Amino acid sequence: MGAIIIFLQNAIRQGICILFGANGEILTEKSGNLNLGVPGMMYMGGIAGLAAAFMYERAVETPNAVVGMLLSLAAALAAGALGGLVFSVLTISLRANQNVTGLALTTFGVGLGNFFGGSLSKLAGGVGQISTAVTASAYRTKLPLLSGIPVVGDVLFSYGLLTYLAVAVSIVLSWYLNRTRQGLCLRAVGENPATADAAGINVSLYKYVSTLVGGAICGLGGLYFVMEYSGGTWTNNGFGDRGWLAVALVIFARWRPLNAIWGSLLFGALYILYLYIPGLDRSAQEIFKMLPYVVTIVVLILTSLRKKKEDQPPESLGLHYFREDR
């Protein structure tokens, strides 16, 4: 039983970072924008949040954990939103290719994170010595009382703030997309922007706002990784392929935020499964790491064959729209 509990805990911890990225990309893609810059925005959010907490803790003799959390949250949200803004300006206003722009944003974000991560390491006195212990300890605080429940508490209530925030974001995002007028307008923009425009919907505004907010949510994924998962430390290229797994989860979840919750748990479990199978060599481990992508491909094939409209991506995904082109 103990081994199963530990496995589930680790699967959830792995999946939450992916869930943040998937939620941000779902919101972005619902507007018709295909932003492959998710890994880059996660790096930007992670290093911005870590830098804000680090500089605060260095500047204050007795740092306050709540202040550190607020500063790091604001920095991560702003950095992710900045990535979304750059993507929006280039693709919506300047008509740049969305695939190329997203990949460039990923390269830029990863490079920016690694550069500033190295700079902070030198400022702290050496590589690997970045530490925001006070702020990170607040992020990793478990739920009181509930975390003490045997088995259930260990599996469901033994995580920090950002874990439950990720689930809350999924629930709120699902409600927004399916139960509000603004969500309906956003989905209309993603399906057929010309029709939405004719109905009086400000297409560019919806695209800009959804991409900015989506980027901010991705930034929270980076903050989760450096604060709650890594304990307030930075390792260059430490995110691995979690950003791309978030993009894959969008497809696996069929653009539904609630599906992304359990999908992230599955992806997290598959991502670490090789660690629990004894005797695997390096090649076999890499094959096991491919499992989330294989599952996504299978789901993509099945949904394509079924041709159910609600399981398909937004019809105008990745396409530019300008009123003059109607």
Foldseek 3Di string as FASTA:
>chain_A
DVVVLVLLQQLLLQLLLLLLLLLLQLLLLLLQAHALQLQLLLLQLQQQLLVQLQVQPVVDPDDDQVVSQVRSLVRLLVSLLVLLQVLLCCCFVVVDQRVVSNVVSNVVSLVVSLVVQQVVQVVLPHPFRRANQSNLVQQFDWDPPQLPPPPRSSNPTRGGDSSVVSVVSLVVSLCQLPPDPLNVLSNCSLAPVLVSVVVVHPSSVSNSVSSSSSSSSSSSSSNSCCRGVVPSTDDRCVSPCSSVLSVLLCLVQLSRSVSSSVLSSVLSSQQCVVVVDPDDDPVRNVVSNCVSVVSSVVSNVVCVVVVDPSSHGRNSRSHHDDNVVD
